Amino acid sequence: MAGLVLALAAWIIPQDFGEIRAGQATDPDSAPLIALMAIALIASPGFVFSGSSTSNCEPAVMTDLNNSAKDRGLPAPPPPPRRAGTPRIHARAALVTAVIAVLAAGGGYAIARGTASSPAAAASPPPAAASPAAPATGGSNPGTSMGGDGNSGFSSSSLAQSIGRQVGTAMAGLAPQTVSLAQTVKLSDQVPAGASVDRASNTITFTASSVSFTVVAVPPGGPDMTFRAAGLTDPAIVVPQNAQVMVQFINGDNDEAHAWMIVDEQPPFSFYQGKTPAISGAFSGLIGDPAANGQGASNLTFQAGPAGTYQYICPMPGHAQMGMHGAFIVR
């Protein structure tokens, strides 16, 4: 019974019902299956609750009466009547419960998947571009707190950092490029050519058809779980529609993996962000821990468009939720 309760609790709280409602689950969760097996076990003919006085075996007192009767040469007393049909009824009830639960979960998952991939959802227009009179600001900087930008479902800063460290170690020294630590600090503060920087609104604006800038994840000496570009933390970046954009991404973190990707979701973000970029090519790839000769880096090039307000994020689990994001506006 304790296992049944724990399995259901694990499925409901950290797994958020397996994300059935979001239509993003890729395989069945084990917790409901464990719960169904527990129900079937409880209803099986041979199952006895701990401390129960009822079982399919004769009670100990009947054994004592049988032995006493044999010692005195008397016939043994008749055994108590058995409820032979009860376990079978319980087993049937458990089977019906299991079938209903499986059908309900499968139906809910199918409906959610259909809703997520429906033509109406796919045909929805892109987000409206921000008004020039009211430039959008970048993401906030809550440090390592999960509550800075609001939460969406499950959240755990310790789990996010643990995953980041494991991936960072596994991918250490595998980046396509390396940049020295001193150069990383310099590039994180460097204003890009042709850019207009408004520090009051935390915005970098480009007007030319060719855009180039450097963004550093967790810059040396800077706040954790943030990006830095042109000396700004998580700035809003504004580019013209159809502009050719070249981004140099550097992971300035010494013990966690990070990446830079443009998505069309808006905050608050969920814990898992394993999605493809909203703009083709707008993904740096994961960069792990630094090598002996410097920080890992990569270059990415893409064409901005269509017009709208996007977000650039770190797609590592929990990082965007912890504040590692900013606005990317195409006008």
C-alpha atoms as a PDB file:
ATOM      1  CA  MET A   1       0.000   0.000   0.000  1.00  0.00           C
ATOM      2  CA  ALA A   2       2.864   2.372   0.798  1.00  0.00           C
ATOM      3  CA  GLY A   3       4.408   1.628  -2.612  1.00  0.00           C
ATOM      4  CA  LEU A   4       1.080   2.390  -4.294  1.00  0.00           C
ATOM      5  CA  VAL A   5       0.831   5.772  -2.587  1.00  0.00           C
ATOM      6  CA  LEU A   6       4.478   6.691  -3.291  1.00  0.00           C
ATOM      7  CA  ALA A   7       4.240   5.677  -6.953  1.00  0.00           C
ATOM      8  CA  LEU A   8       1.135   7.802  -7.533  1.00  0.00           C
ATOM      9  CA  ALA A   9       2.646  10.736  -5.623  1.00  0.00           C
ATOM     10  CA  ALA A  10       5.813  10.593  -7.751  1.00  0.00           C
ATOM     11  CA  TRP A  11       3.733  10.514 -10.942  1.00  0.00           C
ATOM     12  CA  ILE A  12       1.499  13.431  -9.942  1.00  0.00           C
ATOM     13  CA  ILE A  13       4.014  15.867  -8.349  1.00  0.00           C
ATOM     14  CA  PRO A  14       7.432  15.755 -10.082  1.00  0.00           C
ATOM     15  CA  GLN A  15       6.238  14.100 -13.339  1.00  0.00           C
ATOM     16  CA  ASP A  16       3.146  16.368 -13.686  1.00  0.00           C
ATOM     17  CA  PHE A  17       0.943  13.420 -14.722  1.00  0.00           C
ATOM     18  CA  GLY A  18       3.594  12.462 -17.293  1.00  0.00           C
ATOM     19  CA  GLU A  19       2.854  15.720 -19.195  1.00  0.00           C
ATOM     20  CA  ILE A  20      -0.155  13.959 -20.723  1.00  0.00           C
ATOM     21  CA  ARG A  21      -2.087  17.228 -20.862  1.00  0.00           C
ATOM     22  CA  ALA A  22       0.716  18.956 -22.779  1.00  0.00           C
ATOM     23  CA  GLY A  23       0.894  16.258 -25.439  1.00  0.00           C
ATOM     24  CA  GLN A  24       4.679  16.118 -25.056  1.00  0.00           C
ATOM     25  CA  ALA A  25       5.099  12.713 -23.375  1.00  0.00           C
ATOM     26  CA  THR A  26       7.179  10.322 -25.493  1.00  0.00           C
ATOM     27  CA  ASP A  27       6.703   7.112 -23.513  1.00  0.00           C
ATOM     28  CA  PRO A  28       4.451   5.787 -20.728  1.00  0.00           C
ATOM     29  CA  ASP A  29       5.523   6.585 -17.189  1.00  0.00           C
ATOM     30  CA  SER A  30       6.335   3.674 -14.882  1.00  0.00           C
ATOM     31  CA  ALA A  31       4.498   5.041 -11.836  1.00  0.00           C
ATOM     32  CA  PRO A  32       0.922   4.270 -13.085  1.00  0.00           C
ATOM     33  CA  LEU A  33       2.033   0.763 -14.065  1.00  0.00           C
ATOM     34  CA  ILE A  34       3.482   0.190 -10.588  1.00  0.00           C
ATOM     35  CA  ALA A  35       0.230   1.452  -9.071  1.00  0.00           C
ATOM     36  CA  LEU A  36      -1.840  -0.938 -11.227  1.00  0.00           C
ATOM     37  CA  MET A  37       0.382  -3.877 -10.246  1.00  0.00           C
ATOM     38  CA  ALA A  38      -0.080  -2.922  -6.592  1.00  0.00           C
ATOM     39  CA  ILE A  39      -3.884  -2.903  -7.046  1.00  0.00           C
ATOM     40  CA  ALA A  40      -3.780  -6.316  -8.728  1.00  0.00           C
ATOM     41  CA  LEU A  41      -1.546  -7.679  -5.946  1.00  0.00           C
ATOM     42  CA  ILE A  42      -3.897  -6.396  -3.235  1.00  0.00           C
ATOM     43  CA  ALA A  43      -6.855  -8.070  -4.965  1.00  0.00           C
ATOM     44  CA  SER A  44      -5.086 -11.393  -5.579  1.00  0.00           C
ATOM     45  CA  PRO A  45      -6.394 -14.463  -3.641  1.00  0.00           C
ATOM     46  CA  GLY A  46      -3.134 -14.982  -1.726  1.00  0.00           C
ATOM     47  CA  PHE A  47      -2.580 -11.424  -0.532  1.00  0.00           C
ATOM     48  CA  VAL A  48      -2.853 -10.699   3.207  1.00  0.00           C
ATOM     49  CA  PHE A  49      -2.463  -7.267   4.792  1.00  0.00           C
ATOM     50  CA  SER A  50       0.202  -7.123   7.507  1.00  0.00           C
ATOM     51  CA  GLY A  51      -1.427  -7.634  10.889  1.00  0.00           C
ATOM     52  CA  SER A  52      -4.716  -8.894   9.407  1.00  0.00           C
ATOM     53  CA  SER A  53      -6.556 -11.785  11.059  1.00  0.00           C
ATOM     54  CA  THR A  54      -8.099 -12.902   7.766  1.00  0.00           C
ATOM     55  CA  SER A  55      -6.310 -15.078   5.193  1.00  0.00           C
ATOM     56  CA  ASN A  56      -6.901 -17.995   2.855  1.00  0.00           C
ATOM     57  CA  CYS A  57      -5.287 -20.308   5.433  1.00  0.00           C
ATOM     58  CA  GLU A  58      -7.096 -21.646   8.484  1.00  0.00           C
ATOM     59  CA  PRO A  59      -6.629 -19.509  11.607  1.00  0.00           C
ATOM     60  CA  ALA A  60      -4.180 -20.781  14.220  1.00  0.00           C
ATOM     61  CA  VAL A  61      -7.025 -21.426  16.696  1.00  0.00           C
ATOM     62  CA  MET A  62      -8.556 -23.972  14.306  1.00  0.00           C
ATOM     63  CA  THR A  63      -5.236 -25.813  14.147  1.00  0.00           C
ATOM     64  CA  ASP A  64      -5.159 -25.983  17.960  1.00  0.00           C
ATOM     65  CA  LEU A  65      -8.740 -27.401  18.059  1.00  0.00           C
ATOM     66  CA  ASN A  66      -7.852 -30.047  15.466  1.00  0.00           C
ATOM     67  CA  ASN A  67      -4.792 -31.163  17.458  1.00  0.00           C
ATOM     68  CA  SER A  68      -6.809 -31.262  20.719  1.00  0.00           C
ATOM     69  CA  ALA A  69      -9.547 -33.369  19.120  1.00  0.00           C
ATOM     70  CA  LYS A  70      -7.043 -35.848  17.756  1.00  0.00           C
ATOM     71  CA  ASP A  71      -5.397 -36.244  21.193  1.00  0.00           C
ATOM     72  CA  ARG A  72      -8.778 -37.104  22.770  1.00  0.00           C
ATOM     73  CA  GLY A  73      -9.889 -39.428  19.979  1.00  0.00           C
ATOM     74  CA  LEU A  74     -12.731 -37.100  18.948  1.00  0.00           C
ATOM     75  CA  PRO A  75     -13.638 -36.115  15.400  1.00  0.00           C
ATOM     76  CA  ALA A  76     -12.114 -32.837  14.266  1.00  0.00           C
ATOM     77  CA  PRO A  77     -14.499 -29.861  14.156  1.00  0.00           C
ATOM     78  CA  PRO A  78     -15.618 -28.807  10.676  1.00  0.00           C
ATOM     79  CA  PRO A  79     -13.578 -25.938   9.120  1.00  0.00           C
ATOM     80  CA  PRO A  80     -15.237 -22.527   8.855  1.00  0.00           C
ATOM     81  CA  PRO A  81     -16.899 -21.746   5.546  1.00  0.00           C
ATOM     82  CA  ARG A  82     -14.652 -20.044   2.979  1.00  0.00           C
ATOM     83  CA  ARG A  83     -15.670 -17.065   0.872  1.00  0.00           C
ATOM     84  CA  ALA A  84     -14.419 -18.598  -2.320  1.00  0.00           C
ATOM     85  CA  GLY A  85     -15.928 -15.990  -4.596  1.00  0.00           C
ATOM     86  CA  THR A  86     -14.544 -12.867  -2.884  1.00  0.00           C
ATOM     87  CA  PRO A  87     -10.939 -12.987  -4.238  1.00  0.00           C
ATOM     88  CA  ARG A  88     -12.303 -13.604  -7.733  1.00  0.00           C
ATOM     89  CA  ILE A  89     -14.584 -10.571  -7.427  1.00  0.00           C
ATOM     90  CA  HIS A  90     -11.648  -8.458  -6.194  1.00  0.00           C
ATOM     91  CA  ALA A  91      -9.484  -9.637  -9.087  1.00  0.00           C
ATOM     92  CA  ARG A  92     -12.198  -8.739 -11.587  1.00  0.00           C
ATOM     93  CA  ALA A  93     -12.580  -5.304  -9.992  1.00  0.00           C
ATOM     94  CA  ALA A  94      -8.831  -4.756 -10.197  1.00  0.00           C
ATOM     95  CA  LEU A  95      -8.842  -5.782 -13.872  1.00  0.00           C
ATOM     96  CA  VAL A  96     -11.693  -3.386 -14.686  1.00  0.00           C
ATOM     97  CA  THR A  97      -9.902  -0.589 -12.800  1.00  0.00           C
ATOM     98  CA  ALA A  98      -6.678  -1.245 -14.710  1.00  0.00           C
ATOM     99  CA  VAL A  99      -8.451  -1.245 -18.099  1.00  0.00           C
ATOM    100  CA  ILE A 100     -10.298   2.007 -17.306  1.00  0.00           C
ATOM    101  CA  ALA A 101      -7.093   3.694 -16.115  1.00  0.00           C
ATOM    102  CA  VAL A 102      -5.154   2.643 -19.236  1.00  0.00           C
ATOM    103  CA  LEU A 103      -7.966   3.758 -21.588  1.00  0.00           C
ATOM    104  CA  ALA A 104      -8.326   7.100 -19.776  1.00  0.00           C
ATOM    105  CA  ALA A 105      -4.586   7.794 -19.882  1.00  0.00           C
ATOM    106  CA  GLY A 106      -4.297   6.778 -23.531  1.00  0.00           C
ATOM    107  CA  GLY A 107      -7.336   8.842 -24.499  1.00  0.00           C
ATOM    108  CA  GLY A 108      -6.083  11.909 -22.673  1.00  0.00           C
ATOM    109  CA  TYR A 109      -2.646  11.559 -24.259  1.00  0.00           C
ATOM    110  CA  ALA A 110      -4.129  11.177 -27.758  1.00  0.00           C
ATOM    111  CA  ILE A 111      -6.374  14.221 -27.293  1.00  0.00           C
ATOM    112  CA  ALA A 112      -3.453  16.301 -26.015  1.00  0.00           C
ATOM    113  CA  ARG A 113      -1.246  15.216 -28.917  1.00  0.00           C
ATOM    114  CA  GLY A 114      -4.003  16.032 -31.388  1.00  0.00           C
ATOM    115  CA  THR A 115      -4.502  19.451 -29.846  1.00  0.00           C
ATOM    116  CA  ALA A 116      -0.782  20.230 -29.850  1.00  0.00           C
ATOM    117  CA  SER A 117      -0.393  19.262 -33.536  1.00  0.00           C
ATOM    118  CA  SER A 118      -3.763  20.464 -34.838  1.00  0.00           C
ATOM    119  CA  PRO A 119      -3.834  22.518 -38.071  1.00  0.00           C
ATOM    120  CA  ALA A 120      -5.354  25.438 -36.165  1.00  0.00           C
ATOM    121  CA  ALA A 121      -2.430  25.535 -33.768  1.00  0.00           C
ATOM    122  CA  ALA A 122       0.080  25.185 -36.587  1.00  0.00           C
ATOM    123  CA  ALA A 123      -1.570  27.986 -38.543  1.00  0.00           C
ATOM    124  CA  SER A 124      -1.617  30.433 -35.657  1.00  0.00           C
ATOM    125  CA  PRO A 125       0.109  33.713 -36.538  1.00  0.00           C
ATOM    126  CA  PRO A 126       3.528  34.551 -35.090  1.00  0.00           C
ATOM    127  CA  PRO A 127       3.689  36.846 -32.074  1.00  0.00           C
ATOM    128  CA  ALA A 128       3.246  40.498 -32.853  1.00  0.00           C
ATOM    129  CA  ALA A 129       6.382  42.601 -33.114  1.00  0.00           C
ATOM    130  CA  ALA A 130       7.126  44.914 -30.237  1.00  0.00           C
ATOM    131  CA  SER A 131       6.277  48.557 -30.723  1.00  0.00           C
ATOM    132  CA  PRO A 132       9.305  50.810 -31.385  1.00  0.00           C
ATOM    133  CA  ALA A 133       7.958  53.248 -28.789  1.00  0.00           C
ATOM    134  CA  ALA A 134       8.068  50.590 -26.066  1.00  0.00           C
ATOM    135  CA  PRO A 135      11.158  48.388 -26.463  1.00  0.00           C
ATOM    136  CA  ALA A 136      11.006  45.093 -24.606  1.00  0.00           C
ATOM    137  CA  THR A 137      13.488  44.464 -21.858  1.00  0.00           C
ATOM    138  CA  GLY A 138      15.587  41.355 -21.471  1.00  0.00           C
ATOM    139  CA  GLY A 139      15.084  38.513 -19.047  1.00  0.00           C
ATOM    140  CA  SER A 140      15.387  39.080 -15.347  1.00  0.00           C
ATOM    141  CA  ASN A 141      18.302  37.912 -13.235  1.00  0.00           C
ATOM    142  CA  PRO A 142      17.043  35.809 -10.334  1.00  0.00           C
ATOM    143  CA  GLY A 143      20.413  34.157  -9.784  1.00  0.00           C
ATOM    144  CA  THR A 144      19.938  30.551  -8.750  1.00  0.00           C
ATOM    145  CA  SER A 145      16.379  31.068  -7.518  1.00  0.00           C
ATOM    146  CA  MET A 146      13.638  29.289  -9.412  1.00  0.00           C
ATOM    147  CA  GLY A 147      11.065  31.933  -8.605  1.00  0.00           C
ATOM    148  CA  GLY A 148      12.505  34.985 -10.379  1.00  0.00           C
ATOM    149  CA  ASP A 149      10.461  34.599 -13.563  1.00  0.00           C
ATOM    150  CA  GLY A 150       7.621  32.477 -12.222  1.00  0.00           C
ATOM    151  CA  ASN A 151       7.371  28.715 -12.505  1.00  0.00           C
ATOM    152  CA  SER A 152       5.587  26.457 -14.944  1.00  0.00           C
ATOM    153  CA  GLY A 153       5.069  23.013 -13.455  1.00  0.00           C
ATOM    154  CA  PHE A 154       7.923  21.111 -11.817  1.00  0.00           C
ATOM    155  CA  SER A 155      11.054  23.061 -10.806  1.00  0.00           C
ATOM    156  CA  SER A 156      14.278  22.215  -8.984  1.00  0.00           C
ATOM    157  CA  SER A 157      17.406  24.368  -9.059  1.00  0.00           C
ATOM    158  CA  SER A 158      19.514  21.605  -7.498  1.00  0.00           C
ATOM    159  CA  LEU A 159      18.432  19.080 -10.143  1.00  0.00           C
ATOM    160  CA  ALA A 160      19.029  21.609 -12.941  1.00  0.00           C
ATOM    161  CA  GLN A 161      22.534  22.324 -11.711  1.00  0.00           C
ATOM    162  CA  SER A 162      23.276  18.634 -11.205  1.00  0.00           C
ATOM    163  CA  ILE A 163      22.271  17.841 -14.795  1.00  0.00           C
ATOM    164  CA  GLY A 164      24.281  20.819 -16.064  1.00  0.00           C
ATOM    165  CA  ARG A 165      27.402  19.642 -14.239  1.00  0.00           C
ATOM    166  CA  GLN A 166      27.108  16.062 -15.480  1.00  0.00           C
ATOM    167  CA  VAL A 167      26.643  17.148 -19.102  1.00  0.00           C
ATOM    168  CA  GLY A 168      29.407  19.751 -18.743  1.00  0.00           C
ATOM    169  CA  THR A 169      31.850  17.095 -17.553  1.00  0.00           C
ATOM    170  CA  ALA A 170      30.823  14.643 -20.285  1.00  0.00           C
ATOM    171  CA  MET A 171      31.310  17.299 -23.020  1.00  0.00           C
ATOM    172  CA  ALA A 172      34.434  18.947 -21.598  1.00  0.00           C
ATOM    173  CA  GLY A 173      36.894  20.000 -24.301  1.00  0.00           C
ATOM    174  CA  LEU A 174      34.587  18.907 -27.183  1.00  0.00           C
ATOM    175  CA  ALA A 175      33.577  22.391 -28.385  1.00  0.00           C
ATOM    176  CA  PRO A 176      34.392  23.264 -32.026  1.00  0.00           C
ATOM    177  CA  GLN A 177      36.281  26.388 -30.884  1.00  0.00           C
ATOM    178  CA  THR A 178      38.034  27.690 -27.776  1.00  0.00           C
ATOM    179  CA  VAL A 179      38.425  31.256 -26.521  1.00  0.00           C
ATOM    180  CA  SER A 180      40.826  32.311 -23.779  1.00  0.00           C
ATOM    181  CA  LEU A 181      39.344  33.400 -20.477  1.00  0.00           C
ATOM    182  CA  ALA A 182      40.678  36.959 -20.885  1.00  0.00           C
ATOM    183  CA  GLN A 183      39.206  37.220 -24.387  1.00  0.00           C
ATOM    184  CA  THR A 184      35.882  35.848 -23.129  1.00  0.00           C
ATOM    185  CA  VAL A 185      35.638  38.651 -20.571  1.00  0.00           C
ATOM    186  CA  LYS A 186      36.534  41.243 -23.226  1.00  0.00           C
ATOM    187  CA  LEU A 187      34.006  39.962 -25.774  1.00  0.00           C
ATOM    188  CA  SER A 188      31.180  39.820 -23.208  1.00  0.00           C
ATOM    189  CA  ASP A 189      31.515  43.604 -22.720  1.00  0.00           C
ATOM    190  CA  GLN A 190      32.263  44.564 -26.324  1.00  0.00           C
ATOM    191  CA  VAL A 191      29.584  46.600 -28.167  1.00  0.00           C
ATOM    192  CA  PRO A 192      28.936  44.990 -31.583  1.00  0.00           C
ATOM    193  CA  ALA A 193      29.609  46.966 -34.752  1.00  0.00           C
ATOM    194  CA  GLY A 194      26.512  48.804 -35.988  1.00  0.00           C
ATOM    195  CA  ALA A 195      24.613  48.245 -32.736  1.00  0.00           C
ATOM    196  CA  SER A 196      22.826  50.812 -30.604  1.00  0.00           C
ATOM    197  CA  VAL A 197      22.928  49.961 -26.898  1.00  0.00           C
ATOM    198  CA  ASP A 198      20.308  51.386 -24.540  1.00  0.00           C
ATOM    199  CA  ARG A 199      21.364  50.462 -21.027  1.00  0.00           C
ATOM    200  CA  ALA A 200      18.289  52.022 -19.437  1.00  0.00           C
ATOM    201  CA  SER A 201      15.962  49.602 -21.272  1.00  0.00           C
ATOM    202  CA  ASN A 202      18.579  46.794 -21.425  1.00  0.00           C
ATOM    203  CA  THR A 203      18.265  46.617 -25.217  1.00  0.00           C
ATOM    204  CA  ILE A 204      20.656  46.113 -28.144  1.00  0.00           C
ATOM    205  CA  THR A 205      19.253  47.313 -31.496  1.00  0.00           C
ATOM    206  CA  PHE A 206      20.603  46.522 -34.977  1.00  0.00           C
ATOM    207  CA  THR A 207      19.351  48.258 -38.128  1.00  0.00           C
ATOM    208  CA  ALA A 208      21.650  46.855 -40.829  1.00  0.00           C
ATOM    209  CA  SER A 209      20.899  43.771 -42.908  1.00  0.00           C
ATOM    210  CA  SER A 210      23.990  42.061 -41.522  1.00  0.00           C
ATOM    211  CA  VAL A 211      24.158  41.468 -37.769  1.00  0.00           C
ATOM    212  CA  SER A 212      27.007  40.058 -35.711  1.00  0.00           C
ATOM    213  CA  PHE A 213      27.447  39.823 -31.940  1.00  0.00           C
ATOM    214  CA  THR A 214      28.922  37.708 -29.153  1.00  0.00           C
ATOM    215  CA  VAL A 215      26.912  36.264 -26.277  1.00  0.00           C
ATOM    216  CA  VAL A 216      28.512  34.630 -23.238  1.00  0.00           C
ATOM    217  CA  ALA A 217      26.709  32.177 -20.977  1.00  0.00           C
ATOM    218  CA  VAL A 218      27.476  32.766 -17.282  1.00  0.00           C
ATOM    219  CA  PRO A 219      30.306  35.247 -17.887  1.00  0.00           C
ATOM    220  CA  PRO A 220      33.349  35.053 -15.591  1.00  0.00           C
ATOM    221  CA  GLY A 221      32.653  37.130 -12.498  1.00  0.00           C
ATOM    222  CA  GLY A 222      29.023  37.667 -13.541  1.00  0.00           C
ATOM    223  CA  PRO A 223      25.769  36.374 -12.071  1.00  0.00           C
ATOM    224  CA  ASP A 224      24.940  32.699 -12.410  1.00  0.00           C
ATOM    225  CA  MET A 225      22.348  31.437 -14.929  1.00  0.00           C
ATOM    226  CA  THR A 226      22.476  34.524 -17.185  1.00  0.00           C
ATOM    227  CA  PHE A 227      23.704  35.570 -20.623  1.00  0.00           C
ATOM    228  CA  ARG A 228      25.872  38.632 -21.253  1.00  0.00           C
ATOM    229  CA  ALA A 229      26.190  40.642 -24.464  1.00  0.00           C
ATOM    230  CA  ALA A 230      27.577  44.177 -24.970  1.00  0.00           C
ATOM    231  CA  GLY A 231      28.015  44.448 -21.206  1.00  0.00           C
ATOM    232  CA  LEU A 232      24.293  43.815 -20.559  1.00  0.00           C
ATOM    233  CA  THR A 233      22.724  40.915 -18.668  1.00  0.00           C
ATOM    234  CA  ASP A 234      20.033  39.034 -20.623  1.00  0.00           C
ATOM    235  CA  PRO A 235      19.403  42.017 -22.939  1.00  0.00           C
ATOM    236  CA  ALA A 236      16.602  42.295 -25.486  1.00  0.00           C
ATOM    237  CA  ILE A 237      18.133  41.999 -28.965  1.00  0.00           C
ATOM    238  CA  VAL A 238      16.337  43.733 -31.862  1.00  0.00           C
ATOM    239  CA  VAL A 239      17.209  42.889 -35.496  1.00  0.00           C
ATOM    240  CA  PRO A 240      15.595  43.711 -38.873  1.00  0.00           C
ATOM    241  CA  GLN A 241      13.461  41.110 -40.615  1.00  0.00           C
ATOM    242  CA  ASN A 242      15.426  38.918 -43.065  1.00  0.00           C
ATOM    243  CA  ALA A 243      18.751  40.117 -41.614  1.00  0.00           C
ATOM    244  CA  GLN A 244      21.683  37.693 -41.761  1.00  0.00           C
ATOM    245  CA  VAL A 245      22.635  37.055 -38.139  1.00  0.00           C
ATOM    246  CA  MET A 246      25.964  35.627 -36.995  1.00  0.00           C
ATOM    247  CA  VAL A 247      26.302  34.805 -33.291  1.00  0.00           C
ATOM    248  CA  GLN A 248      29.446  33.759 -31.494  1.00  0.00           C
ATOM    249  CA  PHE A 249      28.368  31.780 -28.444  1.00  0.00           C
ATOM    250  CA  ILE A 250      30.860  31.211 -25.613  1.00  0.00           C
ATOM    251  CA  ASN A 251      30.220  29.135 -22.506  1.00  0.00           C
ATOM    252  CA  GLY A 252      31.882  31.102 -19.712  1.00  0.00           C
ATOM    253  CA  ASP A 253      30.800  28.616 -17.038  1.00  0.00           C
ATOM    254  CA  ASN A 254      33.555  26.373 -15.703  1.00  0.00           C
ATOM    255  CA  ASP A 255      31.385  23.504 -14.433  1.00  0.00           C
ATOM    256  CA  GLU A 256      28.087  23.392 -16.344  1.00  0.00           C
ATOM    257  CA  ALA A 257      26.992  22.868 -19.953  1.00  0.00           C
ATOM    258  CA  HIS A 258      25.025  25.626 -21.708  1.00  0.00           C
ATOM    259  CA  ALA A 259      23.684  26.527 -25.146  1.00  0.00           C
ATOM    260  CA  TRP A 260      21.935  29.413 -26.948  1.00  0.00           C
ATOM    261  CA  MET A 261      18.698  28.821 -28.841  1.00  0.00           C
ATOM    262  CA  ILE A 262      15.798  30.943 -30.116  1.00  0.00           C
ATOM    263  CA  VAL A 263      12.291  29.677 -29.276  1.00  0.00           C
ATOM    264  CA  ASP A 264       8.805  31.104 -29.768  1.00  0.00           C
ATOM    265  CA  GLU A 265       7.652  30.269 -26.216  1.00  0.00           C
ATOM    266  CA  GLN A 266       7.422  33.087 -23.695  1.00  0.00           C
ATOM    267  CA  PRO A 267       8.159  32.988 -19.941  1.00  0.00           C
ATOM    268  CA  PRO A 268       7.429  31.456 -17.532  1.00  0.00           C
ATOM    269  CA  PHE A 269       9.251  28.434 -18.929  1.00  0.00           C
ATOM    270  CA  SER A 270       8.850  24.795 -17.977  1.00  0.00           C
ATOM    271  CA  PHE A 271      11.708  22.736 -16.545  1.00  0.00           C
ATOM    272  CA  TYR A 272      12.331  20.822 -19.776  1.00  0.00           C
ATOM    273  CA  GLN A 273      13.020  22.801 -22.966  1.00  0.00           C
ATOM    274  CA  GLY A 274      14.060  20.055 -25.374  1.00  0.00           C
ATOM    275  CA  LYS A 275      12.665  21.678 -28.508  1.00  0.00           C
ATOM    276  CA  THR A 276      13.865  22.684 -31.958  1.00  0.00           C
ATOM    277  CA  PRO A 277      14.650  26.364 -32.602  1.00  0.00           C
ATOM    278  CA  ALA A 278      11.841  28.635 -33.799  1.00  0.00           C
ATOM    279  CA  ILE A 279      14.181  30.062 -36.458  1.00  0.00           C
ATOM    280  CA  SER A 280      16.117  27.581 -38.552  1.00  0.00           C
ATOM    281  CA  GLY A 281      19.788  27.503 -37.575  1.00  0.00           C
ATOM    282  CA  ALA A 282      19.324  29.529 -34.381  1.00  0.00           C
ATOM    283  CA  PHE A 283      20.917  26.951 -32.081  1.00  0.00           C
ATOM    284  CA  SER A 284      24.529  26.885 -30.913  1.00  0.00           C
ATOM    285  CA  GLY A 285      24.667  23.274 -29.796  1.00  0.00           C
ATOM    286  CA  LEU A 286      25.600  22.292 -26.253  1.00  0.00           C
ATOM    287  CA  ILE A 287      29.013  23.477 -25.047  1.00  0.00           C
ATOM    288  CA  GLY A 288      30.581  21.684 -22.078  1.00  0.00           C
ATOM    289  CA  ASP A 289      33.278  22.578 -19.571  1.00  0.00           C
ATOM    290  CA  PRO A 290      36.360  24.452 -20.783  1.00  0.00           C
ATOM    291  CA  ALA A 291      39.498  22.800 -22.101  1.00  0.00           C
ATOM    292  CA  ALA A 292      43.027  23.585 -20.953  1.00  0.00           C
ATOM    293  CA  ASN A 293      43.395  26.239 -23.663  1.00  0.00           C
ATOM    294  CA  GLY A 294      40.165  28.118 -23.020  1.00  0.00           C
ATOM    295  CA  GLN A 295      36.374  28.293 -22.894  1.00  0.00           C
ATOM    296  CA  GLY A 296      34.290  26.299 -25.362  1.00  0.00           C
ATOM    297  CA  ALA A 297      32.613  28.277 -28.159  1.00  0.00           C
ATOM    298  CA  SER A 298      30.708  27.887 -31.431  1.00  0.00           C
ATOM    299  CA  ASN A 299      29.442  30.107 -34.262  1.00  0.00           C
ATOM    300  CA  LEU A 300      25.935  30.005 -35.692  1.00  0.00           C
ATOM    301  CA  THR A 301      24.424  31.825 -38.673  1.00  0.00           C
ATOM    302  CA  PHE A 302      20.750  32.199 -39.544  1.00  0.00           C
ATOM    303  CA  GLN A 303      18.300  34.515 -41.294  1.00  0.00           C
ATOM    304  CA  ALA A 304      15.971  36.475 -39.020  1.00  0.00           C
ATOM    305  CA  GLY A 305      12.281  36.106 -39.691  1.00  0.00           C
ATOM    306  CA  PRO A 306       9.344  36.100 -39.682  1.00  0.00           C
ATOM    307  CA  ALA A 307       8.692  39.259 -37.682  1.00  0.00           C
ATOM    308  CA  GLY A 308       7.755  38.731 -34.058  1.00  0.00           C
ATOM    309  CA  THR A 309       8.977  38.586 -30.476  1.00  0.00           C
ATOM    310  CA  TYR A 310      10.892  35.445 -29.599  1.00  0.00           C
ATOM    311  CA  GLN A 311      13.057  34.394 -26.670  1.00  0.00           C
ATOM    312  CA  TYR A 312      16.636  33.221 -26.683  1.00  0.00           C
ATOM    313  CA  ILE A 313      17.180  30.644 -23.945  1.00  0.00           C
ATOM    314  CA  CYS A 314      19.558  28.045 -22.600  1.00  0.00           C
ATOM    315  CA  PRO A 315      17.728  24.780 -23.399  1.00  0.00           C
ATOM    316  CA  MET A 316      19.403  22.808 -20.597  1.00  0.00           C
ATOM    317  CA  PRO A 317      16.738  21.515 -18.142  1.00  0.00           C
ATOM    318  CA  GLY A 318      15.741  24.237 -15.669  1.00  0.00           C
ATOM    319  CA  HIS A 319      18.145  26.919 -16.936  1.00  0.00           C
ATOM    320  CA  ALA A 320      15.576  29.069 -18.773  1.00  0.00           C
ATOM    321  CA  GLN A 321      13.251  28.601 -15.824  1.00  0.00           C
ATOM    322  CA  MET A 322      16.002  29.989 -13.577  1.00  0.00           C
ATOM    323  CA  GLY A 323      16.278  33.168 -15.673  1.00  0.00           C
ATOM    324  CA  MET A 324      18.636  32.243 -18.506  1.00  0.00           C
ATOM    325  CA  HIS A 325      16.696  33.928 -21.305  1.00  0.00           C
ATOM    326  CA  GLY A 326      16.046  37.253 -23.034  1.00  0.00           C
ATOM    327  CA  ALA A 327      13.868  38.753 -25.782  1.00  0.00           C
ATOM    328  CA  PHE A 328      14.859  38.399 -29.442  1.00  0.00           C
ATOM    329  CA  ILE A 329      12.759  40.772 -31.543  1.00  0.00           C
ATOM    330  CA  VAL A 330      12.528  40.656 -35.344  1.00  0.00           C
ATOM    331  CA  ARG A 331      11.069  43.824 -36.941  1.00  0.00           C
END
